[in-house]
Amino acid sequence: MKQEHDHLRPSRRWPALLIVVAFCAFFFFLGLGAIGLTGADEPRYAQIAREMLARHDWVTPVLYGKPWLEKPVLYYWAAMVAYKSFGVSDWAARLPSAVSASAMVLAIFAFLRRLRPAAAVDACLITAAAAGCIGFSRAASTDMPLAALFTLAMLCWLRALLSEHWLKQEVGQGRSLQAPDRWALLAFYVFLALATLAKGPIAPGLAALVIIVYAAIARTWKPITATLWWPGILLFLAIAMPWFIAVQRANPQFAREFFLEQNLARFGTNLYRHKQPFWYYLPVVAVALVPWTVYGVAGFCQAIKESRTEPQAYRDIEERGLPLFLCIWAVVPVVFFSISQSKLPGYILPSIPAWTVLLGLFLADRREAARPRWALIIPHAAIAATLVPIAFLLPTMVLRQHIVGLQLVIAGAVGVVLLIAILGTLRTRGLAMLPFATLVPVVVTLAYVVTIDAPVLDGTLSTRVLAREITQMVPTASEVATFHARREVGYGLSFYLNQTVANYDIGERPAADHLVVAAQGTEDSLRQAVGGRRISHVGTYPAQRLDLFWVSSAPPIQTPEAQKPASMTH
């Protein structure tokens, strides 16, 4: 790769930083609460943080009054701080992930502005605009905090590796690290400890694998021996271990549940029913890199090509070692979790920044290159141009409605115009315009989704609207239960109603009068399940194909709602 020894000039550094900050604010924070909490994990994690805050318990994660020991505590701490600062809400529950993603992008900027200033802004914008980063930065989950802290740790390790003494003979002769490098290595251990508190031993495990593979290919043990520095190891233990010790003392079952069941059993068995084929993460990575998938793969392949040299040359981290290290970082999490028997998309999120930084370096080396090849820009432009039409058709697809001809004509016309514009820009202005030409449809797509699409997506994917309707239908203190409904319905209603929602399917049947949210077409089965108690159909929720029933031990009051079922059309 081309060398650049000049840093960004101060007069250019601040505008560049402001651009990065502005895009982080847009991609990660705009409309953070436009769509309610979705899936099972988001409302569950958000509720755990709420209950911990209410109990003033900063040690044991608690869900519905019982210990929930699947994940470490860092996300819950961050959400508790957000709740305490801004109040309990879905957007506050997502704030830790948005802040983590911003910190990750800014760390990439700080790292590259010293080593490869020409690539700093592009790499940051590419990272921020990748579908995986946008999606998980807006999720109340542990995935983005882990990915961000892991990225910060690896960048600090690379900063220490750039020491003029690390990979030279002086280290082997007993020379110690210089002060700036010592601080970088300490920072590596700090962020690795925080990543461990975010999601457990997978953080140091992945870091160790990446470093060991790099050292093996470079045929030198010095990166490993220099990393195993006792002050850093003690600092790691001082940060990570106190919570693990405290939660174990408060919950003797923690070690078994967390380490054996949630880590070893999750990796080695299909205990949690997340089995996927070995190649599962290939399409996941491709989707996570959208709209940069084509050039992301091109940047990776080019880095592999440039790294094919004598192992001794890998020790020049700025010339040969950096692209090799990024390739290893990009691949190791994907391979590791491909071996796992349990697979979820968020598992390989820590690898995505390596792919996007590789693309930033790839583009920086080709700013003055000849016109880009059609074989690359056509599929790239096609992916980018498809984003806005997809956003336009998204509500119809989510509602599973028939797409009418006019919708297809409008979506197709928009897509063709964007395709021509992107192709024309790249062919006339070169790869230097690739980030700008690609960011335009990404920005328009996200803005459209969080403004125009959000009301439909909110009612269809989240239970926020349903919970609002329920509070207007039944007394505030009424119990709520689910029957044959998706599990995310129960978790979502628990958060938005701030109460435990019973589940008939596992034998939980409230003794008092209560509301049941059931899958459509299950009324006969529900009447059998209530065991002779009186049941009245009080409403429907078509957006998620749900029926609402009032279950009582006494004859139902003939209210207008009971006489004529209500239909919620959200």
Protein backbone atom coordinates (compact mmCIF):
# COMPACT_ATOMS: atom_id res chain seq x y z
CA MET A 1 0.00 0.00 0.00
CA LYS A 2 1.11 3.55 -0.59
CA GLN A 3 2.77 5.23 2.36
CA GLU A 4 1.61 8.55 3.75
CA HIS A 5 3.79 10.07 6.43
CA ASP A 6 2.00 13.40 6.65
CA HIS A 7 -0.86 13.81 9.09
CA LEU A 8 -4.04 15.69 8.40
CA ARG A 9 -3.25 19.36 8.63
CA PRO A 10 -4.89 21.06 11.63
CA SER A 11 -6.83 23.30 9.25
CA ARG A 12 -8.33 20.20 7.62
CA ARG A 13 -8.55 17.94 10.65
CA TRP A 14 -11.43 19.66 12.40
CA PRO A 15 -13.70 19.92 9.33
CA ALA A 16 -13.03 16.23 8.66
CA LEU A 17 -13.89 15.36 12.25
CA LEU A 18 -17.08 17.42 12.08
CA ILE A 19 -18.14 15.55 8.94
CA VAL A 20 -17.64 12.22 10.69
CA VAL A 21 -19.52 13.38 13.79
CA ALA A 22 -22.41 14.70 11.68
CA PHE A 23 -22.80 11.40 9.82
CA CYS A 24 -22.62 9.45 13.09
CA ALA A 25 -25.39 11.64 14.50
CA PHE A 26 -27.51 11.04 11.41
CA PHE A 27 -26.98 7.31 10.97
CA PHE A 28 -27.06 6.31 14.63
CA PHE A 29 -29.34 8.80 16.38
CA LEU A 30 -31.90 10.12 13.88
CA GLY A 31 -35.32 8.66 14.71
CA LEU A 32 -33.85 6.35 17.33
CA GLY A 33 -37.30 5.84 18.80
CA ALA A 34 -39.33 6.14 15.58
CA ILE A 35 -39.98 2.39 15.66
CA GLY A 36 -40.68 0.63 18.94
CA LEU A 37 -38.56 -2.17 20.35
CA THR A 38 -38.67 -5.21 18.06
CA GLY A 39 -37.94 -8.89 18.39
CA ALA A 40 -37.50 -10.69 21.70
CA ASP A 41 -34.08 -9.38 22.79
CA GLU A 42 -34.68 -5.63 22.60
CA PRO A 43 -37.66 -5.40 24.99
CA ARG A 44 -36.17 -8.08 27.23
CA TYR A 45 -32.84 -6.27 27.67
CA ALA A 46 -34.61 -2.93 28.09
CA GLN A 47 -36.84 -4.39 30.80
CA ILE A 48 -33.89 -5.94 32.65
CA ALA A 49 -32.19 -2.54 32.89
CA ARG A 50 -35.44 -0.99 34.12
CA GLU A 51 -35.88 -3.60 36.86
CA MET A 52 -32.25 -3.33 37.96
CA LEU A 53 -32.65 0.44 38.24
CA ALA A 54 -35.88 0.10 40.20
CA ARG A 55 -34.21 -2.34 42.60
CA HIS A 56 -31.01 -0.25 42.84
CA ASP A 57 -29.16 -3.47 42.04
CA TRP A 58 -26.05 -2.99 39.92
CA VAL A 59 -24.89 -6.61 40.21
CA THR A 60 -27.63 -9.10 39.27
CA PRO A 61 -29.56 -8.71 35.99
CA VAL A 62 -33.22 -9.34 36.83
CA LEU A 63 -36.18 -10.02 34.54
CA TYR A 64 -39.68 -10.17 36.05
CA GLY A 65 -38.14 -10.35 39.50
CA LYS A 66 -35.91 -13.35 38.75
CA PRO A 67 -32.16 -13.42 37.96
CA TRP A 68 -31.43 -13.40 34.22
CA LEU A 69 -27.83 -14.52 33.84
CA GLU A 70 -27.45 -14.99 30.08
CA LYS A 71 -25.31 -11.90 29.44
CA PRO A 72 -22.84 -9.77 31.41
CA VAL A 73 -23.81 -6.43 32.83
CA LEU A 74 -22.25 -3.63 30.79
CA TYR A 75 -25.21 -2.97 28.50
CA TYR A 76 -27.57 -2.92 31.48
CA TRP A 77 -25.36 -0.42 33.31
CA ALA A 78 -25.32 1.86 30.27
CA ALA A 79 -29.10 1.60 29.83
CA MET A 80 -29.63 2.30 33.53
CA VAL A 81 -27.58 5.48 33.20
CA ALA A 82 -29.62 6.46 30.14
CA TYR A 83 -32.89 5.81 32.01
CA LYS A 84 -31.71 7.81 34.99
CA SER A 85 -30.69 10.70 32.73
CA PHE A 86 -33.58 10.76 30.24
CA GLY A 87 -36.30 8.58 31.71
CA VAL A 88 -37.34 5.05 30.74
CA SER A 89 -38.12 4.82 27.03
CA ASP A 90 -37.33 2.68 24.02
CA TRP A 91 -34.96 5.25 22.53
CA ALA A 92 -33.08 5.52 25.83
CA ALA A 93 -32.73 1.73 25.81
CA ARG A 94 -31.06 2.02 22.40
CA LEU A 95 -28.80 4.88 23.39
CA PRO A 96 -25.89 2.65 24.58
CA SER A 97 -25.65 1.04 21.15
CA ALA A 98 -25.79 4.38 19.31
CA VAL A 99 -23.07 5.83 21.55
CA SER A 100 -20.96 2.68 21.13
CA ALA A 101 -21.20 2.84 17.34
CA SER A 102 -20.20 6.52 17.37
CA ALA A 103 -17.20 5.78 19.59
CA MET A 104 -16.15 2.99 17.22
CA VAL A 105 -16.26 5.24 14.16
CA LEU A 106 -14.42 8.06 15.92
CA ALA A 107 -11.74 5.60 17.06
CA ILE A 108 -11.22 4.54 13.44
CA PHE A 109 -10.82 8.20 12.52
CA ALA A 110 -8.27 8.79 15.32
CA PHE A 111 -6.29 5.71 14.28
CA LEU A 112 -6.21 6.34 10.53
CA ARG A 113 -5.62 10.10 10.65
CA ARG A 114 -2.13 9.33 11.96
CA LEU A 115 -1.33 6.31 9.83
CA ARG A 116 -3.30 6.81 6.61
CA PRO A 117 -4.91 10.29 6.69
CA ALA A 118 -6.22 10.02 3.13
CA ALA A 119 -8.31 7.03 4.17
CA ALA A 120 -9.59 8.36 7.51
CA VAL A 121 -12.83 10.08 6.46
CA ASP A 122 -13.82 7.54 3.81
CA ALA A 123 -13.24 4.58 6.14
CA CYS A 124 -15.35 6.24 8.85
CA LEU A 125 -18.23 7.08 6.51
CA ILE A 126 -18.17 3.61 4.99
CA THR A 127 -18.27 2.06 8.47
CA ALA A 128 -21.09 4.32 9.65
CA ALA A 129 -23.17 3.69 6.52
CA ALA A 130 -22.80 -0.12 6.48
CA ALA A 131 -26.14 -1.84 7.00
CA GLY A 132 -24.86 -3.94 9.89
CA CYS A 133 -23.56 -0.91 11.77
CA ILE A 134 -26.72 1.14 11.19
CA GLY A 135 -28.97 -1.73 12.19
CA PHE A 136 -27.20 -2.79 15.38
CA SER A 137 -26.50 0.80 16.45
CA ARG A 138 -30.29 1.15 16.69
CA ALA A 139 -30.84 -2.02 18.71
CA ALA A 140 -31.13 -2.35 22.48
CA SER A 141 -28.71 -5.27 22.65
CA THR A 142 -25.19 -6.29 23.59
CA ASP A 143 -23.94 -6.76 20.01
CA MET A 144 -22.88 -3.20 19.19
CA PRO A 145 -21.21 -2.52 22.57
CA LEU A 146 -19.16 -5.69 22.07
CA ALA A 147 -18.24 -4.83 18.47
CA ALA A 148 -17.32 -1.24 19.34
CA LEU A 149 -15.19 -2.14 22.37
CA PHE A 150 -13.52 -4.99 20.49
CA THR A 151 -12.68 -2.57 17.67
CA LEU A 152 -11.27 -0.04 20.13
CA ALA A 153 -9.16 -2.77 21.71
CA MET A 154 -7.75 -4.01 18.40
CA LEU A 155 -6.97 -0.49 17.20
CA CYS A 156 -5.08 0.17 20.45
CA TRP A 157 -3.20 -3.09 19.93
CA LEU A 158 -2.28 -1.99 16.42
CA ARG A 159 -1.16 1.37 17.79
CA ALA A 160 1.16 -0.45 20.18
CA LEU A 161 2.33 -2.69 17.35
CA LEU A 162 3.40 0.38 15.43
CA SER A 163 6.08 0.92 18.07
CA GLU A 164 9.52 1.03 16.54
CA HIS A 165 10.64 -1.49 19.16
CA TRP A 166 7.84 -4.04 19.08
CA LEU A 167 8.76 -6.19 16.11
CA LYS A 168 12.47 -5.48 16.01
CA GLN A 169 15.29 -7.23 17.76
CA GLU A 170 15.35 -4.72 20.61
CA VAL A 171 12.29 -6.35 22.19
CA GLY A 172 13.99 -9.73 22.19
CA GLN A 173 17.03 -8.13 23.85
CA GLY A 174 15.03 -6.87 26.80
CA ARG A 175 14.20 -3.34 25.62
CA SER A 176 10.92 -2.20 27.22
CA LEU A 177 8.04 -0.47 25.48
CA GLN A 178 8.24 3.28 25.21
CA ALA A 179 5.70 5.39 27.14
CA PRO A 180 3.20 6.05 24.30
CA ASP A 181 3.21 2.36 23.40
CA ARG A 182 2.77 1.33 27.01
CA TRP A 183 -0.34 3.50 27.22
CA ALA A 184 -1.67 2.02 23.99
CA LEU A 185 -1.21 -1.51 25.32
CA LEU A 186 -2.87 -0.56 28.61
CA ALA A 187 -5.79 0.87 26.62
CA PHE A 188 -6.00 -2.43 24.73
CA TYR A 189 -6.50 -4.28 28.01
CA VAL A 190 -9.00 -1.70 29.30
CA PHE A 191 -11.22 -1.97 26.23
CA LEU A 192 -10.87 -5.74 26.15
CA ALA A 193 -12.01 -5.91 29.79
CA LEU A 194 -15.02 -3.72 29.00
CA ALA A 195 -15.81 -5.91 25.99
CA THR A 196 -15.74 -8.90 28.34
CA LEU A 197 -18.25 -7.12 30.56
CA ALA A 198 -20.33 -6.50 27.44
CA LYS A 199 -20.63 -10.11 26.27
CA GLY A 200 -18.26 -12.38 28.11
CA PRO A 201 -15.11 -14.37 27.31
CA ILE A 202 -15.72 -14.23 23.57
CA ALA A 203 -13.98 -10.83 23.50
CA PRO A 204 -10.53 -11.92 24.76
CA GLY A 205 -10.99 -15.20 22.92
CA LEU A 206 -11.42 -13.53 19.53
CA ALA A 207 -8.59 -11.06 20.24
CA ALA A 208 -6.24 -13.91 21.13
CA LEU A 209 -7.17 -15.82 17.97
CA VAL A 210 -6.57 -12.81 15.72
CA ILE A 211 -3.18 -12.04 17.30
CA ILE A 212 -2.04 -15.68 17.29
CA VAL A 213 -2.99 -16.20 13.63
CA TYR A 214 -1.17 -12.98 12.69
CA ALA A 215 1.95 -14.04 14.60
CA ALA A 216 1.87 -17.49 13.03
CA ILE A 217 1.70 -16.13 9.49
CA ALA A 218 4.42 -13.56 10.24
CA ARG A 219 6.51 -16.36 11.79
CA THR A 220 7.34 -14.42 14.91
CA TRP A 221 6.23 -14.81 18.53
CA LYS A 222 7.01 -11.21 19.38
CA PRO A 223 3.45 -9.85 18.98
CA ILE A 224 2.29 -12.51 21.45
CA THR A 225 5.10 -12.17 23.98
CA ALA A 226 4.90 -8.37 23.92
CA THR A 227 1.12 -8.50 24.38
CA LEU A 228 1.39 -10.75 27.44
CA TRP A 229 2.45 -7.85 29.65
CA TRP A 230 1.69 -8.37 33.31
CA PRO A 231 0.59 -4.78 34.15
CA GLY A 232 -1.97 -4.99 31.33
CA ILE A 233 -3.18 -8.41 32.43
CA LEU A 234 -3.60 -7.19 36.01
CA LEU A 235 -5.51 -4.15 34.75
CA PHE A 236 -7.79 -6.42 32.69
CA LEU A 237 -8.53 -8.55 35.73
CA ALA A 238 -9.08 -5.50 37.96
CA ILE A 239 -11.75 -4.17 35.57
CA ALA A 240 -13.48 -7.36 34.46
CA MET A 241 -13.33 -9.67 37.46
CA PRO A 242 -15.08 -7.71 40.27
CA TRP A 243 -18.52 -8.01 38.66
CA PHE A 244 -18.07 -11.71 37.86
CA ILE A 245 -17.07 -12.36 41.47
CA ALA A 246 -19.93 -10.25 42.85
CA VAL A 247 -22.62 -11.84 40.67
CA GLN A 248 -21.33 -15.32 41.49
CA ARG A 249 -21.52 -14.58 45.22
CA ALA A 250 -25.07 -13.25 44.84
CA ASN A 251 -26.15 -16.07 42.50
CA PRO A 252 -24.35 -19.42 43.03
CA GLN A 253 -25.88 -20.76 39.81
CA PHE A 254 -24.21 -18.03 37.71
CA ALA A 255 -21.08 -19.97 36.68
CA ARG A 256 -23.12 -22.92 35.48
CA GLU A 257 -25.74 -20.87 33.64
CA PHE A 258 -23.37 -18.32 32.10
CA PHE A 259 -20.20 -20.22 31.27
CA LEU A 260 -21.50 -23.74 30.72
CA GLU A 261 -24.94 -23.12 29.23
CA GLN A 262 -24.74 -19.68 27.61
CA ASN A 263 -21.20 -19.99 26.25
CA LEU A 264 -20.02 -23.60 25.91
CA ALA A 265 -23.41 -25.18 25.26
CA ARG A 266 -24.42 -22.36 22.92
CA PHE A 267 -21.25 -22.86 20.90
CA GLY A 268 -21.14 -26.65 20.88
CA THR A 269 -24.82 -27.63 20.71
CA ASN A 270 -28.12 -26.52 19.24
CA LEU A 271 -29.60 -26.08 22.72
CA TYR A 272 -31.12 -22.71 21.84
CA ARG A 273 -32.40 -23.70 18.39
CA HIS A 274 -30.26 -21.32 16.34
CA LYS A 275 -28.74 -23.96 14.07
CA GLN A 276 -27.74 -22.80 10.60
CA PRO A 277 -25.56 -24.26 7.81
CA PHE A 278 -21.80 -23.75 7.94
CA TRP A 279 -21.91 -21.14 5.14
CA TYR A 280 -24.59 -19.10 6.92
CA TYR A 281 -22.31 -16.13 7.66
CA LEU A 282 -21.26 -15.59 4.03
CA PRO A 283 -24.61 -13.99 3.10
CA VAL A 284 -24.79 -12.38 6.55
CA VAL A 285 -21.48 -10.57 5.96
CA ALA A 286 -22.60 -9.60 2.46
CA VAL A 287 -25.80 -8.05 3.83
CA ALA A 288 -24.02 -6.39 6.76
CA LEU A 289 -21.69 -4.62 4.30
CA VAL A 290 -24.52 -3.30 2.10
CA PRO A 291 -24.17 -1.05 0.11
CA TRP A 292 -20.38 -1.59 0.13
CA THR A 293 -20.45 -5.36 -0.42
CA VAL A 294 -18.89 -5.46 -3.89
CA TYR A 295 -16.03 -3.10 -3.15
CA GLY A 296 -15.65 -4.52 0.35
CA VAL A 297 -14.84 -7.90 -1.19
CA ALA A 298 -12.60 -6.20 -3.75
CA GLY A 299 -10.70 -4.39 -0.98
CA PHE A 300 -10.29 -7.65 0.93
CA CYS A 301 -9.00 -9.52 -2.13
CA GLN A 302 -6.58 -6.70 -2.96
CA ALA A 303 -5.23 -6.71 0.60
CA ILE A 304 -4.67 -10.48 0.40
CA LYS A 305 -2.85 -10.00 -2.90
CA GLU A 306 -0.63 -7.27 -1.48
CA SER A 307 0.14 -9.38 1.58
CA ARG A 308 1.47 -12.30 -0.46
CA THR A 309 5.14 -11.85 0.23
CA GLU A 310 7.88 -13.20 2.48
CA PRO A 311 6.74 -13.57 6.12
CA GLN A 312 9.56 -11.23 7.22
CA ALA A 313 7.88 -8.40 5.29
CA TYR A 314 4.72 -8.75 7.40
CA ARG A 315 6.67 -7.30 10.29
CA ASP A 316 6.53 -3.92 8.58
CA ILE A 317 3.08 -3.21 9.92
CA GLU A 318 2.58 0.00 7.95
CA GLU A 319 3.49 -1.55 4.58
CA ARG A 320 2.50 -5.21 4.60
CA GLY A 321 1.33 -6.12 8.08
CA LEU A 322 -1.66 -3.78 8.34
CA PRO A 323 -3.67 -5.18 5.39
CA LEU A 324 -2.80 -8.72 6.50
CA PHE A 325 -3.88 -8.03 10.07
CA LEU A 326 -7.16 -6.48 8.92
CA CYS A 327 -7.84 -9.50 6.70
CA ILE A 328 -7.26 -11.83 9.64
CA TRP A 329 -9.49 -9.67 11.83
CA ALA A 330 -12.18 -9.72 9.13
CA VAL A 331 -12.12 -13.50 8.75
CA VAL A 332 -11.45 -14.96 12.22
CA PRO A 333 -14.85 -14.10 13.82
CA VAL A 334 -16.64 -15.36 10.71
CA VAL A 335 -14.79 -18.69 10.70
CA PHE A 336 -15.05 -19.09 14.47
CA PHE A 337 -18.80 -18.61 14.58
CA SER A 338 -19.30 -20.68 11.43
CA ILE A 339 -18.01 -23.62 13.47
CA SER A 340 -20.47 -22.81 16.26
CA GLN A 341 -23.67 -24.88 16.38
CA SER A 342 -25.63 -21.77 17.35
CA LYS A 343 -25.63 -18.90 14.87
CA LEU A 344 -27.21 -15.45 14.99
CA PRO A 345 -26.44 -12.51 12.66
CA GLY A 346 -25.02 -10.27 15.39
CA TYR A 347 -22.27 -12.71 16.32
CA ILE A 348 -19.95 -11.61 13.49
CA LEU A 349 -20.50 -7.86 13.97
CA PRO A 350 -16.97 -7.44 15.48
CA SER A 351 -15.51 -8.35 12.06
CA ILE A 352 -17.37 -5.67 10.07
CA PRO A 353 -15.08 -2.70 10.97
CA ALA A 354 -12.10 -4.61 9.59
CA TRP A 355 -13.89 -4.99 6.23
CA THR A 356 -14.86 -1.32 6.08
CA VAL A 357 -11.37 -0.09 7.02
CA LEU A 358 -9.89 -2.33 4.32
CA LEU A 359 -12.22 -0.69 1.82
CA GLY A 360 -11.20 2.77 3.05
CA LEU A 361 -7.54 1.91 2.47
CA PHE A 362 -8.39 0.39 -0.92
CA LEU A 363 -10.07 3.61 -2.07
CA ALA A 364 -7.31 5.83 -0.67
CA ASP A 365 -4.77 4.06 -2.87
CA ARG A 366 -6.91 4.55 -5.99
CA ARG A 367 -7.99 8.15 -5.82
CA GLU A 368 -5.95 9.03 -8.86
CA ALA A 369 -6.50 5.75 -10.64
CA ALA A 370 -8.02 5.37 -14.07
CA ARG A 371 -11.73 4.93 -14.53
CA PRO A 372 -13.14 2.09 -12.43
CA ARG A 373 -14.02 -1.18 -14.05
CA TRP A 374 -17.58 -1.83 -15.16
CA ALA A 375 -17.41 -5.29 -13.59
CA LEU A 376 -17.31 -3.65 -10.16
CA ILE A 377 -19.24 -0.42 -10.49
CA ILE A 378 -22.33 -1.99 -12.13
CA PRO A 379 -23.16 -4.39 -9.26
CA HIS A 380 -22.13 -1.77 -6.70
CA ALA A 381 -24.37 0.87 -8.27
CA ALA A 382 -27.20 -1.65 -8.58
CA ILE A 383 -27.08 -2.42 -4.84
CA ALA A 384 -26.95 1.26 -3.88
CA ALA A 385 -29.70 2.22 -6.32
CA THR A 386 -32.01 -0.49 -4.99
CA LEU A 387 -32.07 0.89 -1.44
CA VAL A 388 -34.54 3.73 -2.04
CA PRO A 389 -37.05 1.59 -4.01
CA ILE A 390 -36.91 -1.00 -1.21
CA ALA A 391 -37.67 1.71 1.36
CA PHE A 392 -40.59 2.87 -0.79
CA LEU A 393 -42.06 -0.65 -1.01
CA LEU A 394 -41.16 -1.71 2.53
CA PRO A 395 -44.53 -0.97 4.24
CA THR A 396 -46.39 -2.93 1.57
CA MET A 397 -44.02 -5.88 1.93
CA VAL A 398 -44.18 -5.83 5.73
CA LEU A 399 -47.98 -5.78 5.63
CA ARG A 400 -47.83 -8.64 3.09
CA GLN A 401 -50.03 -6.74 0.71
CA HIS A 402 -50.04 -7.03 -3.07
CA ILE A 403 -47.69 -4.54 -4.73
CA VAL A 404 -49.71 -2.67 -7.33
CA GLY A 405 -48.40 -1.74 -10.76
CA LEU A 406 -48.07 1.97 -10.00
CA GLN A 407 -45.87 1.24 -6.99
CA LEU A 408 -43.58 -0.92 -9.11
CA VAL A 409 -43.38 1.76 -11.80
CA ILE A 410 -42.44 4.46 -9.30
CA ALA A 411 -39.93 2.24 -7.49
CA GLY A 412 -38.41 1.08 -10.78
CA ALA A 413 -38.12 4.62 -12.13
CA VAL A 414 -36.40 5.84 -8.98
CA GLY A 415 -34.03 2.89 -9.08
CA VAL A 416 -33.12 3.45 -12.73
CA VAL A 417 -32.47 7.16 -12.19
CA LEU A 418 -30.22 6.42 -9.21
CA LEU A 419 -28.41 3.66 -11.11
CA ILE A 420 -27.65 5.96 -14.05
CA ALA A 421 -26.58 8.79 -11.74
CA ILE A 422 -24.23 6.58 -9.72
CA LEU A 423 -22.71 4.92 -12.79
CA GLY A 424 -22.24 8.26 -14.54
CA THR A 425 -20.61 9.80 -11.47
CA LEU A 426 -18.18 6.93 -10.97
CA ARG A 427 -17.21 6.64 -14.62
CA THR A 428 -16.58 10.37 -15.06
CA ARG A 429 -15.16 11.24 -11.64
CA GLY A 430 -13.51 7.96 -10.63
CA LEU A 431 -13.41 6.05 -7.36
CA ALA A 432 -12.77 9.22 -5.40
CA MET A 433 -16.51 9.85 -5.69
CA LEU A 434 -17.54 6.35 -4.60
CA PRO A 435 -18.32 7.27 -0.96
CA PHE A 436 -20.33 10.37 -1.94
CA ALA A 437 -22.25 8.65 -4.76
CA THR A 438 -23.12 5.75 -2.46
CA LEU A 439 -23.97 7.78 0.63
CA VAL A 440 -26.71 9.75 -1.15
CA PRO A 441 -29.12 6.80 -1.53
CA VAL A 442 -28.19 5.51 1.95
CA VAL A 443 -29.07 8.87 3.52
CA VAL A 444 -32.33 9.11 1.57
CA THR A 445 -33.26 5.53 2.47
CA LEU A 446 -32.70 5.97 6.20
CA ALA A 447 -34.54 9.30 6.28
CA TYR A 448 -37.48 7.76 4.40
CA VAL A 449 -37.65 4.74 6.71
CA VAL A 450 -37.61 6.70 10.00
CA THR A 451 -40.14 9.27 8.78
CA ILE A 452 -42.48 7.81 6.15
CA ASP A 453 -42.22 4.07 6.83
CA ALA A 454 -41.93 4.28 10.62
CA PRO A 455 -45.67 4.40 11.54
CA VAL A 456 -46.42 1.22 9.58
CA LEU A 457 -43.29 -0.56 10.78
CA ASP A 458 -43.99 0.50 14.36
CA GLY A 459 -47.45 -1.03 14.37
CA THR A 460 -46.35 -4.18 12.56
CA LEU A 461 -42.95 -5.01 14.06
CA SER A 462 -43.32 -3.60 17.57
CA THR A 463 -45.95 -3.95 20.30
CA ARG A 464 -45.80 -0.27 21.25
CA VAL A 465 -49.03 0.65 19.44
CA LEU A 466 -50.75 -2.50 20.69
CA ALA A 467 -49.77 -1.70 24.28
CA ARG A 468 -51.18 1.79 23.87
CA GLU A 469 -54.47 0.35 22.67
CA ILE A 470 -54.58 -2.11 25.55
CA THR A 471 -54.12 0.64 28.15
CA GLN A 472 -57.13 2.41 26.66
CA MET A 473 -59.24 -0.76 26.63
CA VAL A 474 -58.77 -2.28 30.09
CA PRO A 475 -58.14 -0.91 33.60
CA THR A 476 -54.52 -0.01 34.34
CA ALA A 477 -54.09 -2.74 36.96
CA SER A 478 -55.42 -5.51 34.71
CA GLU A 479 -53.21 -8.49 34.09
CA VAL A 480 -52.28 -9.45 30.53
CA ALA A 481 -51.38 -12.85 29.11
CA THR A 482 -50.51 -14.28 25.70
CA PHE A 483 -51.74 -17.43 23.96
CA HIS A 484 -50.06 -19.01 20.92
CA ALA A 485 -48.53 -15.59 20.13
CA ARG A 486 -44.93 -15.07 19.09
CA ARG A 487 -42.64 -14.73 22.10
CA GLU A 488 -41.65 -11.18 21.10
CA VAL A 489 -45.28 -10.14 21.67
CA GLY A 490 -45.03 -11.09 25.34
CA TYR A 491 -41.63 -9.48 25.87
CA GLY A 492 -42.70 -6.30 24.08
CA LEU A 493 -45.94 -5.94 26.03
CA SER A 494 -44.06 -6.54 29.29
CA PHE A 495 -41.81 -3.56 28.58
CA TYR A 496 -44.46 -1.16 27.30
CA LEU A 497 -47.02 -2.11 29.97
CA ASN A 498 -44.28 -2.40 32.61
CA GLN A 499 -45.71 -5.60 34.02
CA THR A 500 -45.15 -9.32 33.82
CA VAL A 501 -47.13 -10.82 30.94
CA ALA A 502 -48.16 -14.40 31.61
CA ASN A 503 -47.86 -17.04 28.90
CA TYR A 504 -50.61 -19.65 28.64
CA ASP A 505 -48.32 -21.84 26.50
CA ILE A 506 -46.04 -22.57 29.48
CA GLY A 507 -48.82 -23.00 31.99
CA GLU A 508 -49.02 -19.42 33.31
CA ARG A 509 -52.71 -18.56 33.81
CA PRO A 510 -53.58 -15.52 35.95
CA ALA A 511 -56.17 -16.22 38.63
CA ALA A 512 -57.74 -12.77 38.39
CA ASP A 513 -59.70 -11.39 35.46
CA HIS A 514 -57.29 -10.62 32.66
CA LEU A 515 -56.77 -9.80 28.99
CA VAL A 516 -55.40 -12.44 26.64
CA VAL A 517 -53.53 -11.52 23.44
CA ALA A 518 -53.85 -14.53 21.17
CA ALA A 519 -52.91 -15.48 17.63
CA GLN A 520 -55.82 -15.19 15.23
CA GLY A 521 -57.79 -18.38 14.69
CA THR A 522 -57.06 -19.80 18.16
CA GLU A 523 -60.28 -18.84 19.96
CA ASP A 524 -61.56 -22.42 20.26
CA SER A 525 -58.25 -23.60 21.71
CA LEU A 526 -58.22 -20.67 24.13
CA ARG A 527 -61.74 -21.50 25.36
CA GLN A 528 -60.50 -24.96 26.24
CA ALA A 529 -57.38 -23.57 27.89
CA VAL A 530 -59.25 -21.17 30.23
CA GLY A 531 -60.93 -24.15 31.88
CA GLY A 532 -64.57 -23.10 31.90
CA ARG A 533 -64.00 -19.44 32.70
CA ARG A 534 -66.00 -16.93 30.74
CA ILE A 535 -64.29 -15.42 27.70
CA SER A 536 -65.28 -12.45 25.53
CA HIS A 537 -63.73 -11.31 22.28
CA VAL A 538 -63.00 -7.61 22.81
CA GLY A 539 -60.81 -6.62 19.89
CA THR A 540 -58.50 -7.48 17.01
CA TYR A 541 -55.07 -6.22 15.99
CA PRO A 542 -54.82 -6.94 12.24
CA ALA A 543 -51.28 -5.57 11.83
CA GLN A 544 -49.89 -8.56 13.73
CA ARG A 545 -52.80 -10.98 13.27
CA LEU A 546 -53.80 -10.98 16.91
CA ASP A 547 -57.12 -11.25 18.73
CA LEU A 548 -57.84 -9.85 22.20
CA PHE A 549 -60.04 -11.67 24.71
CA TRP A 550 -61.23 -10.78 28.19
CA VAL A 551 -61.17 -13.78 30.53
CA SER A 552 -63.35 -13.58 33.64
CA SER A 553 -64.78 -15.92 36.26
CA ALA A 554 -68.02 -13.90 36.20
CA PRO A 555 -70.37 -13.12 33.30
CA PRO A 556 -68.77 -10.37 31.16
CA ILE A 557 -70.15 -6.86 31.40
CA GLN A 558 -71.94 -6.00 28.17
CA THR A 559 -69.91 -2.94 27.28
CA PRO A 560 -69.88 -1.61 23.72
CA GLU A 561 -66.49 -3.27 23.29
CA ALA A 562 -67.87 -6.60 24.45
CA GLN A 563 -71.01 -6.31 22.31
CA LYS A 564 -69.05 -5.53 19.14
CA PRO A 565 -65.39 -6.50 18.77
CA ALA A 566 -63.09 -3.56 18.21
CA SER A 567 -60.69 -3.55 15.31
CA MET A 568 -57.34 -1.85 15.71
CA THR A 569 -56.22 -0.92 12.25
CA HIS A 570 -52.66 0.13 12.98
